[in-house]
Amino acid sequence: MSTSLDGVGRITIQGGWRITPNKTLYDGWYSRSANQGLPRAREVAGGPTVVASFAYAISDLLEVGIDLFGTQSRLYLNEPGVDGGPPQARQMDVLGYGALIGLRFQTVIPRLGPHGLVPFAGMLTGPTLVSSERKGEALQETTTQTWMGNVGATLRLTPRWGITADYRLAFLRGPVGPSTARVGSFSLGGSWLSLGVTYSFPAEPSRPLPGSL
C-alpha cells in the first residue's frame, strides 16, 4: 500500500448542509422603526450545499486545488400588514455559487482503514456570485469574495476510491434590497458539513529524458 501523496490528483463530490443562524439579518430587520413590535417570522438557519473539488498534491504534505460550490435557502421576514392588517411574511430566495482556490496540508495514516486515512486542513478564497429575490421585487445580484477554512479526512476504501467527510467555516454575505434602498444583509457562510466520494489519480511515473542513460 502506497503512503506517498506526491503527484496524486483527486476529484471529490460532496453534498451537505450549511448551518447559518443569520442573527444579524433578523435582529437588524426587526429593530427598524417600521418593523418594531412585529412578531418574528420563521427563522431559517441554513440550507443545502454542493461542492466539487479538483486537487493535485504538489508534495507529500501540500495540495493545491479548486473548489466549485453552490448553496441556497429561502428566508422569511415579517412586514407590516396592508392598511393596518395583520403582519405578512414575505419570502426571499437566496443563492450563492462560485470557485475557490486554496492550499491544503495533508498526510496519510496507513493503519486506519483498508488503504489508510488522509486527514487534511487548509484555506481557500475566491469570487462568488450572490443573488437574492424578495417576492414582488427584482432579482438582486452581486459579486463578492468568499473566505473558507476547511478540515476533514478521506477514508481510502481502495487505492483509488474513498469516502470524504469535511467541515468548512465560511465567510460570505449578500445584500438585501436594491442598491438604492439597502435594508440589511444576509449570510450564506457559517458552518458547512458535508459527505461525499473521492476518486484519486495515481502519480505519473517519472520518465528519463530522451538520450539520458
N, C-alpha and C. Protein backbone atom coordinates (compact mmCIF):
# COMPACT_ATOMS: atom_id res chain seq x y z
N MET A 1 0.85 -1.20 0.00
CA MET A 1 0.00 0.00 0.00
C MET A 1 0.88 1.25 0.00
N SER A 2 0.65 2.14 -0.96
CA SER A 2 1.44 3.36 -1.07
C SER A 2 1.01 4.38 -0.03
N THR A 3 1.99 5.00 0.63
CA THR A 3 1.70 6.07 1.59
C THR A 3 2.16 7.42 1.07
N SER A 4 2.59 7.48 -0.19
CA SER A 4 3.03 8.74 -0.78
C SER A 4 1.86 9.43 -1.47
N LEU A 5 1.76 10.74 -1.27
CA LEU A 5 0.73 11.53 -1.93
C LEU A 5 1.31 12.43 -3.01
N ASP A 6 2.61 12.49 -3.13
CA ASP A 6 3.26 13.37 -4.10
C ASP A 6 2.80 13.03 -5.52
N GLY A 7 2.24 14.03 -6.23
CA GLY A 7 1.81 13.83 -7.60
C GLY A 7 0.44 13.22 -7.77
N VAL A 8 -0.26 12.94 -6.67
CA VAL A 8 -1.60 12.34 -6.74
C VAL A 8 -2.65 13.42 -6.97
N GLY A 9 -3.54 13.19 -7.93
CA GLY A 9 -4.66 14.09 -8.17
C GLY A 9 -5.95 13.45 -7.66
N ARG A 10 -6.96 14.27 -7.46
CA ARG A 10 -8.23 13.72 -6.98
C ARG A 10 -9.39 14.60 -7.42
N ILE A 11 -10.56 13.98 -7.48
CA ILE A 11 -11.84 14.67 -7.66
C ILE A 11 -12.75 14.22 -6.53
N THR A 12 -13.33 15.17 -5.81
CA THR A 12 -14.24 14.87 -4.71
C THR A 12 -15.56 15.59 -4.94
N ILE A 13 -16.66 14.85 -4.87
CA ILE A 13 -18.00 15.40 -5.00
C ILE A 13 -18.71 15.21 -3.66
N GLN A 14 -19.23 16.30 -3.11
CA GLN A 14 -19.85 16.23 -1.79
C GLN A 14 -21.17 17.00 -1.75
N GLY A 15 -22.05 16.53 -0.89
CA GLY A 15 -23.28 17.25 -0.59
C GLY A 15 -23.43 17.35 0.92
N GLY A 16 -24.08 18.40 1.38
CA GLY A 16 -24.21 18.56 2.82
C GLY A 16 -25.17 19.65 3.20
N TRP A 17 -24.98 20.16 4.41
CA TRP A 17 -25.89 21.16 4.98
C TRP A 17 -25.08 22.30 5.58
N ARG A 18 -25.57 23.50 5.38
CA ARG A 18 -24.95 24.71 5.91
C ARG A 18 -25.74 25.19 7.13
N ILE A 19 -25.04 25.43 8.24
CA ILE A 19 -25.67 25.95 9.47
C ILE A 19 -25.35 27.44 9.56
N THR A 20 -26.37 28.27 9.32
CA THR A 20 -26.18 29.72 9.25
C THR A 20 -27.31 30.41 10.01
N PRO A 21 -27.11 30.80 11.26
CA PRO A 21 -28.20 31.39 12.05
C PRO A 21 -28.76 32.69 11.50
N ASN A 22 -27.95 33.54 10.86
CA ASN A 22 -28.38 34.84 10.30
C ASN A 22 -28.96 35.77 11.35
N LYS A 23 -28.38 35.76 12.53
CA LYS A 23 -28.85 36.62 13.63
C LYS A 23 -28.75 38.10 13.27
N THR A 24 -27.67 38.49 12.57
CA THR A 24 -27.50 39.90 12.20
C THR A 24 -28.65 40.38 11.32
N LEU A 25 -29.05 39.56 10.34
CA LEU A 25 -30.15 39.93 9.45
C LEU A 25 -31.45 40.11 10.23
N TYR A 26 -31.80 39.11 11.03
CA TYR A 26 -33.08 39.15 11.74
C TYR A 26 -33.13 40.26 12.78
N ASP A 27 -32.06 40.42 13.56
CA ASP A 27 -32.05 41.47 14.58
C ASP A 27 -32.12 42.85 13.93
N GLY A 28 -31.37 43.03 12.83
CA GLY A 28 -31.40 44.33 12.16
C GLY A 28 -32.75 44.65 11.55
N TRP A 29 -33.40 43.63 10.97
CA TRP A 29 -34.69 43.84 10.33
C TRP A 29 -35.77 44.27 11.34
N TYR A 30 -35.85 43.55 12.46
CA TYR A 30 -36.91 43.82 13.43
C TYR A 30 -36.59 44.99 14.35
N SER A 31 -35.37 45.54 14.25
CA SER A 31 -35.05 46.75 15.00
C SER A 31 -35.33 48.01 14.20
N ARG A 32 -35.64 47.87 12.91
CA ARG A 32 -36.02 49.04 12.12
C ARG A 32 -37.31 49.64 12.66
N SER A 33 -37.42 50.96 12.60
CA SER A 33 -38.57 51.64 13.21
C SER A 33 -39.89 51.16 12.63
N ALA A 34 -39.92 50.86 11.32
CA ALA A 34 -41.18 50.42 10.70
C ALA A 34 -41.56 49.01 11.11
N ASN A 35 -40.59 48.23 11.62
CA ASN A 35 -40.87 46.83 11.92
C ASN A 35 -40.88 46.50 13.41
N GLN A 36 -40.64 47.49 14.25
CA GLN A 36 -40.61 47.23 15.68
C GLN A 36 -41.98 46.77 16.18
N GLY A 37 -41.97 45.75 17.01
CA GLY A 37 -43.21 45.21 17.54
C GLY A 37 -43.80 44.09 16.71
N LEU A 38 -43.24 43.85 15.52
CA LEU A 38 -43.76 42.76 14.69
C LEU A 38 -43.33 41.41 15.27
N PRO A 39 -44.20 40.41 15.21
CA PRO A 39 -43.76 39.07 15.58
C PRO A 39 -42.77 38.56 14.54
N ARG A 40 -41.84 37.73 14.97
CA ARG A 40 -40.83 37.22 14.05
C ARG A 40 -41.39 36.08 13.22
N ALA A 41 -41.09 36.14 11.93
CA ALA A 41 -41.44 35.02 11.06
C ALA A 41 -40.50 33.85 11.33
N ARG A 42 -40.79 32.72 10.72
CA ARG A 42 -39.93 31.55 10.89
C ARG A 42 -38.51 31.88 10.45
N GLU A 43 -37.56 31.64 11.34
CA GLU A 43 -36.17 31.98 11.07
C GLU A 43 -35.43 30.74 10.56
N VAL A 44 -35.07 30.78 9.28
CA VAL A 44 -34.35 29.67 8.65
C VAL A 44 -32.87 29.79 8.99
N ALA A 45 -32.27 28.69 9.44
CA ALA A 45 -30.88 28.73 9.92
C ALA A 45 -29.97 27.82 9.11
N GLY A 46 -30.15 27.81 7.79
CA GLY A 46 -29.24 27.00 6.98
C GLY A 46 -29.82 26.63 5.64
N GLY A 47 -29.13 25.74 4.94
CA GLY A 47 -29.57 25.29 3.62
C GLY A 47 -28.62 24.26 3.06
N PRO A 48 -28.99 23.63 1.94
CA PRO A 48 -28.14 22.60 1.33
C PRO A 48 -26.92 23.19 0.63
N THR A 49 -25.87 22.39 0.54
CA THR A 49 -24.65 22.79 -0.15
C THR A 49 -24.18 21.65 -1.06
N VAL A 50 -23.51 22.02 -2.14
CA VAL A 50 -22.87 21.06 -3.05
C VAL A 50 -21.47 21.59 -3.35
N VAL A 51 -20.46 20.71 -3.26
CA VAL A 51 -19.08 21.11 -3.50
C VAL A 51 -18.40 20.07 -4.38
N ALA A 52 -17.68 20.53 -5.39
CA ALA A 52 -16.84 19.67 -6.23
C ALA A 52 -15.40 20.17 -6.14
N SER A 53 -14.49 19.30 -5.69
CA SER A 53 -13.08 19.68 -5.51
C SER A 53 -12.22 18.99 -6.56
N PHE A 54 -11.30 19.77 -7.14
CA PHE A 54 -10.33 19.26 -8.11
C PHE A 54 -8.95 19.65 -7.58
N ALA A 55 -8.16 18.66 -7.17
CA ALA A 55 -6.93 18.97 -6.46
C ALA A 55 -5.77 18.13 -6.97
N TYR A 56 -4.56 18.64 -6.68
CA TYR A 56 -3.33 17.95 -7.08
C TYR A 56 -2.29 18.16 -5.98
N ALA A 57 -1.67 17.07 -5.54
CA ALA A 57 -0.67 17.13 -4.48
C ALA A 57 0.69 17.49 -5.08
N ILE A 58 1.20 18.66 -4.72
CA ILE A 58 2.49 19.08 -5.24
C ILE A 58 3.64 18.53 -4.40
N SER A 59 3.30 17.91 -3.26
CA SER A 59 4.28 17.21 -2.44
C SER A 59 3.52 16.23 -1.55
N ASP A 60 4.24 15.51 -0.70
CA ASP A 60 3.58 14.58 0.21
C ASP A 60 2.70 15.28 1.23
N LEU A 61 2.98 16.56 1.49
CA LEU A 61 2.28 17.28 2.56
C LEU A 61 1.40 18.42 2.07
N LEU A 62 1.50 18.81 0.80
CA LEU A 62 0.80 20.00 0.34
C LEU A 62 0.03 19.73 -0.95
N GLU A 63 -1.23 20.20 -0.96
CA GLU A 63 -2.12 20.01 -2.10
C GLU A 63 -2.68 21.37 -2.52
N VAL A 64 -2.75 21.61 -3.83
CA VAL A 64 -3.39 22.81 -4.36
C VAL A 64 -4.66 22.38 -5.08
N GLY A 65 -5.71 23.19 -4.96
CA GLY A 65 -6.96 22.75 -5.57
C GLY A 65 -7.92 23.89 -5.86
N ILE A 66 -8.93 23.56 -6.65
CA ILE A 66 -10.03 24.47 -6.97
C ILE A 66 -11.33 23.80 -6.53
N ASP A 67 -12.14 24.51 -5.77
CA ASP A 67 -13.43 24.01 -5.31
C ASP A 67 -14.55 24.82 -5.96
N LEU A 68 -15.46 24.14 -6.64
CA LEU A 68 -16.68 24.77 -7.15
C LEU A 68 -17.81 24.45 -6.18
N PHE A 69 -18.62 25.45 -5.85
CA PHE A 69 -19.65 25.21 -4.84
C PHE A 69 -20.93 25.97 -5.16
N GLY A 70 -22.01 25.52 -4.56
CA GLY A 70 -23.29 26.20 -4.65
C GLY A 70 -24.08 25.96 -3.38
N THR A 71 -24.87 26.95 -2.97
CA THR A 71 -25.72 26.83 -1.79
C THR A 71 -26.91 27.75 -1.94
N GLN A 72 -28.04 27.38 -1.33
CA GLN A 72 -29.24 28.20 -1.45
C GLN A 72 -30.12 27.99 -0.22
N SER A 73 -31.06 28.91 -0.04
CA SER A 73 -32.08 28.77 1.01
C SER A 73 -33.18 29.79 0.76
N ARG A 74 -34.25 29.64 1.52
CA ARG A 74 -35.38 30.57 1.44
C ARG A 74 -35.60 31.17 2.83
N LEU A 75 -35.49 32.50 2.91
CA LEU A 75 -35.64 33.21 4.18
C LEU A 75 -37.00 33.89 4.22
N TYR A 76 -37.46 34.18 5.45
CA TYR A 76 -38.75 34.83 5.63
C TYR A 76 -38.60 36.01 6.58
N LEU A 77 -39.22 37.14 6.22
CA LEU A 77 -39.21 38.34 7.04
C LEU A 77 -40.63 38.89 7.15
N ASN A 78 -41.10 39.12 8.38
CA ASN A 78 -42.42 39.71 8.57
C ASN A 78 -42.40 41.20 8.26
N GLU A 79 -43.46 41.67 7.60
CA GLU A 79 -43.62 43.07 7.28
C GLU A 79 -44.99 43.54 7.76
N PRO A 80 -45.13 44.85 7.99
CA PRO A 80 -46.44 45.35 8.42
C PRO A 80 -47.52 45.02 7.41
N GLY A 81 -48.72 44.72 7.90
CA GLY A 81 -49.83 44.40 7.01
C GLY A 81 -50.33 45.61 6.25
N VAL A 82 -51.02 45.35 5.17
CA VAL A 82 -51.58 46.42 4.34
C VAL A 82 -52.78 47.03 5.04
N ASP A 83 -52.81 48.38 5.08
CA ASP A 83 -53.94 49.11 5.67
C ASP A 83 -54.23 48.65 7.09
N GLY A 84 -53.15 48.44 7.86
CA GLY A 84 -53.33 48.07 9.26
C GLY A 84 -53.69 46.62 9.49
N GLY A 85 -53.61 45.80 8.46
CA GLY A 85 -53.92 44.38 8.59
C GLY A 85 -52.83 43.63 9.34
N PRO A 86 -53.01 42.32 9.51
CA PRO A 86 -52.03 41.51 10.22
C PRO A 86 -50.69 41.47 9.49
N PRO A 87 -49.58 41.27 10.21
CA PRO A 87 -48.26 41.19 9.57
C PRO A 87 -48.23 40.08 8.52
N GLN A 88 -47.41 40.29 7.51
CA GLN A 88 -47.28 39.32 6.44
C GLN A 88 -45.82 38.89 6.30
N ALA A 89 -45.61 37.59 6.16
CA ALA A 89 -44.26 37.06 5.96
C ALA A 89 -43.95 37.06 4.46
N ARG A 90 -42.92 37.79 4.09
CA ARG A 90 -42.50 37.82 2.68
C ARG A 90 -41.25 36.99 2.52
N GLN A 91 -41.27 36.06 1.58
CA GLN A 91 -40.13 35.16 1.38
C GLN A 91 -39.05 35.81 0.53
N MET A 92 -37.84 35.36 0.75
CA MET A 92 -36.70 35.84 -0.02
C MET A 92 -35.83 34.63 -0.35
N ASP A 93 -35.67 34.37 -1.64
CA ASP A 93 -34.83 33.27 -2.09
C ASP A 93 -33.41 33.77 -2.29
N VAL A 94 -32.44 33.08 -1.68
CA VAL A 94 -31.03 33.49 -1.78
C VAL A 94 -30.22 32.33 -2.35
N LEU A 95 -29.20 32.68 -3.12
CA LEU A 95 -28.38 31.69 -3.81
C LEU A 95 -26.96 32.21 -3.92
N GLY A 96 -26.00 31.31 -3.74
CA GLY A 96 -24.60 31.67 -3.92
C GLY A 96 -23.84 30.54 -4.59
N TYR A 97 -23.00 30.89 -5.57
CA TYR A 97 -22.16 29.88 -6.20
C TYR A 97 -20.87 30.55 -6.69
N GLY A 98 -19.79 29.77 -6.65
CA GLY A 98 -18.53 30.36 -7.04
C GLY A 98 -17.41 29.33 -7.14
N ALA A 99 -16.19 29.83 -7.27
CA ALA A 99 -15.00 28.98 -7.41
C ALA A 99 -13.94 29.49 -6.44
N LEU A 100 -13.40 28.59 -5.65
CA LEU A 100 -12.37 28.93 -4.67
C LEU A 100 -11.07 28.21 -5.01
N ILE A 101 -9.97 28.88 -4.76
CA ILE A 101 -8.66 28.26 -4.94
C ILE A 101 -7.94 28.30 -3.59
N GLY A 102 -7.20 27.25 -3.28
CA GLY A 102 -6.54 27.23 -1.99
C GLY A 102 -5.53 26.12 -1.85
N LEU A 103 -4.94 26.07 -0.66
CA LEU A 103 -3.94 25.08 -0.32
C LEU A 103 -4.43 24.26 0.86
N ARG A 104 -4.10 22.98 0.85
CA ARG A 104 -4.41 22.10 1.98
C ARG A 104 -3.16 21.33 2.37
N PHE A 105 -2.94 21.21 3.67
CA PHE A 105 -1.92 20.33 4.20
C PHE A 105 -2.54 18.97 4.45
N GLN A 106 -1.82 17.90 4.13
CA GLN A 106 -2.38 16.56 4.26
C GLN A 106 -1.28 15.55 4.56
N THR A 107 -1.71 14.38 5.01
CA THR A 107 -0.79 13.28 5.25
C THR A 107 -1.56 11.98 5.18
N VAL A 108 -0.87 10.84 5.29
CA VAL A 108 -1.50 9.53 5.27
C VAL A 108 -1.25 8.82 6.59
N ILE A 109 -2.33 8.31 7.20
CA ILE A 109 -2.20 7.45 8.38
C ILE A 109 -2.50 6.03 7.89
N PRO A 110 -1.49 5.22 7.60
CA PRO A 110 -1.70 3.96 6.88
C PRO A 110 -2.46 2.90 7.66
N ARG A 111 -2.42 2.93 8.98
CA ARG A 111 -3.04 1.85 9.76
C ARG A 111 -4.54 2.03 9.96
N LEU A 112 -5.08 3.15 9.54
CA LEU A 112 -6.51 3.41 9.71
C LEU A 112 -7.25 3.14 8.40
N GLY A 113 -8.16 2.18 8.40
CA GLY A 113 -8.95 1.90 7.21
C GLY A 113 -8.27 0.91 6.28
N PRO A 114 -9.02 0.46 5.26
CA PRO A 114 -8.49 -0.54 4.32
C PRO A 114 -7.22 -0.10 3.61
N HIS A 115 -7.14 1.19 3.21
CA HIS A 115 -5.97 1.69 2.49
C HIS A 115 -5.48 3.02 3.08
N GLY A 116 -5.74 3.23 4.35
CA GLY A 116 -5.25 4.42 5.01
C GLY A 116 -6.27 5.54 5.11
N LEU A 117 -6.00 6.46 6.01
CA LEU A 117 -6.83 7.65 6.22
C LEU A 117 -5.99 8.88 5.88
N VAL A 118 -6.58 9.80 5.11
CA VAL A 118 -5.89 11.02 4.69
C VAL A 118 -6.57 12.23 5.33
N PRO A 119 -6.08 12.71 6.48
CA PRO A 119 -6.63 13.95 7.05
C PRO A 119 -6.04 15.17 6.34
N PHE A 120 -6.80 16.27 6.31
CA PHE A 120 -6.33 17.47 5.63
C PHE A 120 -6.88 18.71 6.31
N ALA A 121 -6.22 19.83 6.10
CA ALA A 121 -6.66 21.13 6.61
C ALA A 121 -6.10 22.21 5.70
N GLY A 122 -6.92 23.23 5.42
CA GLY A 122 -6.44 24.27 4.52
C GLY A 122 -7.30 25.51 4.52
N MET A 123 -6.98 26.43 3.63
CA MET A 123 -7.68 27.70 3.48
C MET A 123 -7.91 27.97 2.00
N LEU A 124 -9.14 28.47 1.68
CA LEU A 124 -9.49 28.76 0.29
C LEU A 124 -10.14 30.14 0.20
N THR A 125 -10.04 30.75 -0.97
CA THR A 125 -10.71 32.01 -1.23
C THR A 125 -10.99 32.14 -2.72
N GLY A 126 -11.97 32.98 -3.07
CA GLY A 126 -12.29 33.18 -4.47
C GLY A 126 -13.58 33.95 -4.65
N PRO A 127 -13.92 34.29 -5.90
CA PRO A 127 -15.11 35.08 -6.19
C PRO A 127 -16.39 34.24 -6.10
N THR A 128 -17.46 34.90 -5.68
CA THR A 128 -18.75 34.24 -5.55
C THR A 128 -19.85 35.18 -6.05
N LEU A 129 -20.77 34.63 -6.82
CA LEU A 129 -21.95 35.38 -7.24
C LEU A 129 -23.07 35.10 -6.26
N VAL A 130 -23.59 36.14 -5.63
CA VAL A 130 -24.66 36.01 -4.65
C VAL A 130 -25.90 36.71 -5.20
N SER A 131 -27.04 36.04 -5.14
CA SER A 131 -28.28 36.64 -5.62
C SER A 131 -29.36 36.51 -4.54
N SER A 132 -30.26 37.46 -4.55
CA SER A 132 -31.41 37.43 -3.65
C SER A 132 -32.63 37.99 -4.38
N GLU A 133 -33.77 37.43 -4.08
CA GLU A 133 -35.00 37.88 -4.72
C GLU A 133 -36.13 37.83 -3.70
N ARG A 134 -36.58 39.02 -3.29
CA ARG A 134 -37.75 39.09 -2.41
C ARG A 134 -39.00 39.10 -3.27
N LYS A 135 -40.02 38.42 -2.79
CA LYS A 135 -41.26 38.33 -3.55
C LYS A 135 -41.80 39.72 -3.85
N GLY A 136 -42.03 39.97 -5.14
CA GLY A 136 -42.53 41.27 -5.56
C GLY A 136 -41.45 42.26 -5.94
N GLU A 137 -40.17 41.86 -5.83
CA GLU A 137 -39.07 42.75 -6.19
C GLU A 137 -38.19 42.09 -7.25
N ALA A 138 -37.37 42.89 -7.91
CA ALA A 138 -36.47 42.37 -8.94
C ALA A 138 -35.33 41.59 -8.30
N LEU A 139 -34.77 40.68 -9.07
CA LEU A 139 -33.62 39.89 -8.63
C LEU A 139 -32.42 40.80 -8.42
N GLN A 140 -31.73 40.62 -7.30
CA GLN A 140 -30.53 41.39 -6.98
C GLN A 140 -29.32 40.46 -7.02
N GLU A 141 -28.27 40.87 -7.73
CA GLU A 141 -27.06 40.06 -7.84
C GLU A 141 -25.84 40.90 -7.53
N THR A 142 -24.86 40.28 -6.90
CA THR A 142 -23.60 40.95 -6.62
C THR A 142 -22.49 39.92 -6.57
N THR A 143 -21.28 40.37 -6.85
CA THR A 143 -20.10 39.50 -6.76
C THR A 143 -19.28 39.91 -5.55
N THR A 144 -18.89 38.92 -4.76
CA THR A 144 -18.14 39.20 -3.54
C THR A 144 -17.04 38.16 -3.37
N GLN A 145 -16.21 38.36 -2.36
CA GLN A 145 -15.11 37.45 -2.07
C GLN A 145 -15.49 36.53 -0.92
N THR A 146 -15.27 35.23 -1.11
CA THR A 146 -15.53 34.24 -0.07
C THR A 146 -14.21 33.78 0.54
N TRP A 147 -14.22 33.63 1.87
CA TRP A 147 -13.09 33.05 2.59
C TRP A 147 -13.59 31.80 3.30
N MET A 148 -12.80 30.72 3.24
CA MET A 148 -13.27 29.46 3.78
C MET A 148 -12.12 28.65 4.36
N GLY A 149 -12.25 28.25 5.62
CA GLY A 149 -11.33 27.30 6.23
C GLY A 149 -11.92 25.90 6.12
N ASN A 150 -11.06 24.89 5.94
CA ASN A 150 -11.53 23.55 5.62
C ASN A 150 -10.69 22.51 6.35
N VAL A 151 -11.35 21.60 7.08
CA VAL A 151 -10.67 20.46 7.69
C VAL A 151 -11.52 19.22 7.40
N GLY A 152 -10.87 18.08 7.29
CA GLY A 152 -11.61 16.85 7.02
C GLY A 152 -10.69 15.68 6.84
N ALA A 153 -11.24 14.59 6.29
CA ALA A 153 -10.44 13.38 6.10
C ALA A 153 -11.10 12.52 5.03
N THR A 154 -10.26 11.76 4.31
CA THR A 154 -10.73 10.79 3.32
C THR A 154 -10.32 9.40 3.78
N LEU A 155 -11.31 8.53 3.92
CA LEU A 155 -11.06 7.13 4.23
C LEU A 155 -10.93 6.38 2.92
N ARG A 156 -9.73 5.89 2.62
CA ARG A 156 -9.47 5.23 1.34
C ARG A 156 -9.93 3.77 1.41
N LEU A 157 -10.98 3.46 0.64
CA LEU A 157 -11.52 2.10 0.61
C LEU A 157 -10.75 1.21 -0.36
N THR A 158 -10.25 1.81 -1.43
CA THR A 158 -9.39 1.14 -2.40
C THR A 158 -8.28 2.11 -2.73
N PRO A 159 -7.29 1.70 -3.54
CA PRO A 159 -6.24 2.66 -3.90
C PRO A 159 -6.77 3.90 -4.61
N ARG A 160 -7.96 3.83 -5.20
CA ARG A 160 -8.48 4.98 -5.96
C ARG A 160 -9.75 5.60 -5.36
N TRP A 161 -10.59 4.81 -4.70
CA TRP A 161 -11.87 5.32 -4.21
C TRP A 161 -11.84 5.51 -2.70
N GLY A 162 -12.53 6.56 -2.26
CA GLY A 162 -12.61 6.82 -0.83
C GLY A 162 -13.87 7.60 -0.48
N ILE A 163 -14.13 7.67 0.82
CA ILE A 163 -15.25 8.46 1.36
C ILE A 163 -14.66 9.65 2.10
N THR A 164 -15.14 10.84 1.77
CA THR A 164 -14.61 12.07 2.35
C THR A 164 -15.68 12.77 3.18
N ALA A 165 -15.29 13.18 4.38
CA ALA A 165 -16.14 14.00 5.24
C ALA A 165 -15.37 15.26 5.60
N ASP A 166 -16.03 16.41 5.55
CA ASP A 166 -15.30 17.62 5.93
C ASP A 166 -16.19 18.66 6.58
N TYR A 167 -15.51 19.61 7.20
CA TYR A 167 -16.14 20.75 7.86
C TYR A 167 -15.52 22.01 7.29
N ARG A 168 -16.35 22.98 6.97
CA ARG A 168 -15.88 24.25 6.44
C ARG A 168 -16.48 25.39 7.25
N LEU A 169 -15.65 26.38 7.55
CA LEU A 169 -16.11 27.62 8.16
C LEU A 169 -15.99 28.70 7.11
N ALA A 170 -17.15 29.21 6.66
CA ALA A 170 -17.18 30.11 5.51
C ALA A 170 -17.63 31.52 5.93
N PHE A 171 -17.08 32.51 5.23
CA PHE A 171 -17.45 33.91 5.43
C PHE A 171 -17.94 34.44 4.08
N LEU A 172 -19.26 34.63 3.98
CA LEU A 172 -19.89 35.00 2.73
C LEU A 172 -21.20 35.72 3.03
N ARG A 173 -21.35 36.95 2.55
CA ARG A 173 -22.56 37.74 2.80
C ARG A 173 -23.08 38.34 1.49
N GLY A 174 -24.39 38.63 1.48
CA GLY A 174 -25.02 39.28 0.35
C GLY A 174 -26.01 40.33 0.82
N PRO A 175 -26.33 41.33 -0.02
CA PRO A 175 -27.21 42.43 0.39
C PRO A 175 -28.68 42.06 0.26
N VAL A 176 -29.50 42.73 1.07
CA VAL A 176 -30.96 42.61 0.99
C VAL A 176 -31.50 43.91 0.43
N GLY A 177 -32.24 43.83 -0.67
CA GLY A 177 -32.81 45.01 -1.29
C GLY A 177 -31.92 45.60 -2.36
N PRO A 178 -32.48 46.46 -3.21
CA PRO A 178 -31.71 47.09 -4.30
C PRO A 178 -30.65 48.03 -3.75
N SER A 179 -29.67 48.37 -4.60
CA SER A 179 -28.56 49.21 -4.15
C SER A 179 -29.01 50.58 -3.68
N THR A 180 -30.13 51.06 -4.18
CA THR A 180 -30.62 52.38 -3.78
C THR A 180 -31.42 52.34 -2.48
N ALA A 181 -31.73 51.14 -2.00
CA ALA A 181 -32.55 51.03 -0.78
C ALA A 181 -32.17 49.77 -0.01
N ARG A 182 -30.89 49.66 0.38
CA ARG A 182 -30.43 48.51 1.14
C ARG A 182 -31.13 48.47 2.50
N VAL A 183 -31.60 47.29 2.89
CA VAL A 183 -32.27 47.15 4.18
C VAL A 183 -31.55 46.14 5.08
N GLY A 184 -30.37 45.71 4.69
CA GLY A 184 -29.62 44.76 5.50
C GLY A 184 -28.80 43.83 4.64
N SER A 185 -28.28 42.80 5.26
CA SER A 185 -27.50 41.79 4.54
C SER A 185 -27.74 40.43 5.18
N PHE A 186 -27.57 39.39 4.37
CA PHE A 186 -27.75 38.03 4.85
C PHE A 186 -26.45 37.26 4.71
N SER A 187 -26.33 36.17 5.45
CA SER A 187 -25.13 35.34 5.40
C SER A 187 -25.42 34.02 4.71
N LEU A 188 -24.50 33.59 3.87
CA LEU A 188 -24.50 32.24 3.32
C LEU A 188 -23.29 31.46 3.81
N GLY A 189 -22.63 32.01 4.83
CA GLY A 189 -21.45 31.37 5.40
C GLY A 189 -21.81 30.46 6.55
N GLY A 190 -21.06 30.56 7.62
CA GLY A 190 -21.30 29.71 8.77
C GLY A 190 -20.60 28.37 8.65
N SER A 191 -21.17 27.37 9.28
CA SER A 191 -20.57 26.03 9.33
C SER A 191 -21.17 25.14 8.25
N TRP A 192 -20.30 24.58 7.42
CA TRP A 192 -20.74 23.67 6.35
C TRP A 192 -20.27 22.26 6.70
N LEU A 193 -21.18 21.32 6.74
CA LEU A 193 -20.87 19.92 7.00
C LEU A 193 -21.26 19.11 5.77
N SER A 194 -20.35 18.27 5.28
CA SER A 194 -20.65 17.54 4.05
C SER A 194 -19.98 16.18 4.04
N LEU A 195 -20.50 15.32 3.15
CA LEU A 195 -20.02 13.96 2.98
C LEU A 195 -20.06 13.64 1.49
N GLY A 196 -19.05 12.92 1.00
CA GLY A 196 -19.04 12.62 -0.42
C GLY A 196 -18.05 11.53 -0.77
N VAL A 197 -17.79 11.39 -2.07
CA VAL A 197 -16.88 10.36 -2.57
C VAL A 197 -15.69 11.02 -3.26
N THR A 198 -14.56 10.33 -3.20
CA THR A 198 -13.32 10.82 -3.80
C THR A 198 -12.75 9.77 -4.75
N TYR A 199 -12.34 10.23 -5.92
CA TYR A 199 -11.62 9.37 -6.86
C TYR A 199 -10.22 9.95 -7.02
N SER A 200 -9.20 9.12 -6.79
CA SER A 200 -7.81 9.57 -6.86
C SER A 200 -7.13 9.07 -8.13
N PHE A 201 -6.30 9.94 -8.69
CA PHE A 201 -5.50 9.58 -9.86
C PHE A 201 -4.07 9.32 -9.40
N PRO A 202 -3.53 8.15 -9.65
CA PRO A 202 -2.17 7.85 -9.19
C PRO A 202 -1.16 8.77 -9.85
N ALA A 203 -0.05 8.99 -9.14
CA ALA A 203 1.02 9.84 -9.67
C ALA A 203 1.61 9.22 -10.93
N GLU A 204 1.93 10.07 -11.90
CA GLU A 204 2.57 9.59 -13.13
C GLU A 204 4.00 9.16 -12.82
N PRO A 205 4.41 7.99 -13.31
CA PRO A 205 5.80 7.57 -13.07
C PRO A 205 6.77 8.50 -13.79
N SER A 206 7.91 8.74 -13.14
CA SER A 206 8.92 9.60 -13.76
C SER A 206 9.56 8.87 -14.93
N ARG A 207 9.78 9.61 -15.99
CA ARG A 207 10.36 9.04 -17.19
C ARG A 207 11.70 9.72 -17.47
N PRO A 208 12.74 8.95 -17.89
CA PRO A 208 14.03 9.59 -18.20
C PRO A 208 13.92 10.45 -19.45
N LEU A 209 14.70 11.50 -19.50
CA LEU A 209 14.71 12.37 -20.68
C LEU A 209 15.32 11.63 -21.88
N PRO A 210 14.87 11.94 -23.10
CA PRO A 210 15.43 11.30 -24.28
C PRO A 210 16.95 11.48 -24.35
N GLY A 211 17.64 10.40 -24.60
CA GLY A 211 19.08 10.46 -24.73
C GLY A 211 19.83 10.28 -23.44
N SER A 212 19.10 10.26 -22.28
CA SER A 212 19.78 10.07 -21.00
C SER A 212 20.02 8.60 -20.75
N LEU A 213 20.97 8.29 -19.92
CA LEU A 213 21.30 6.91 -19.60
C LEU A 213 20.53 6.45 -18.38
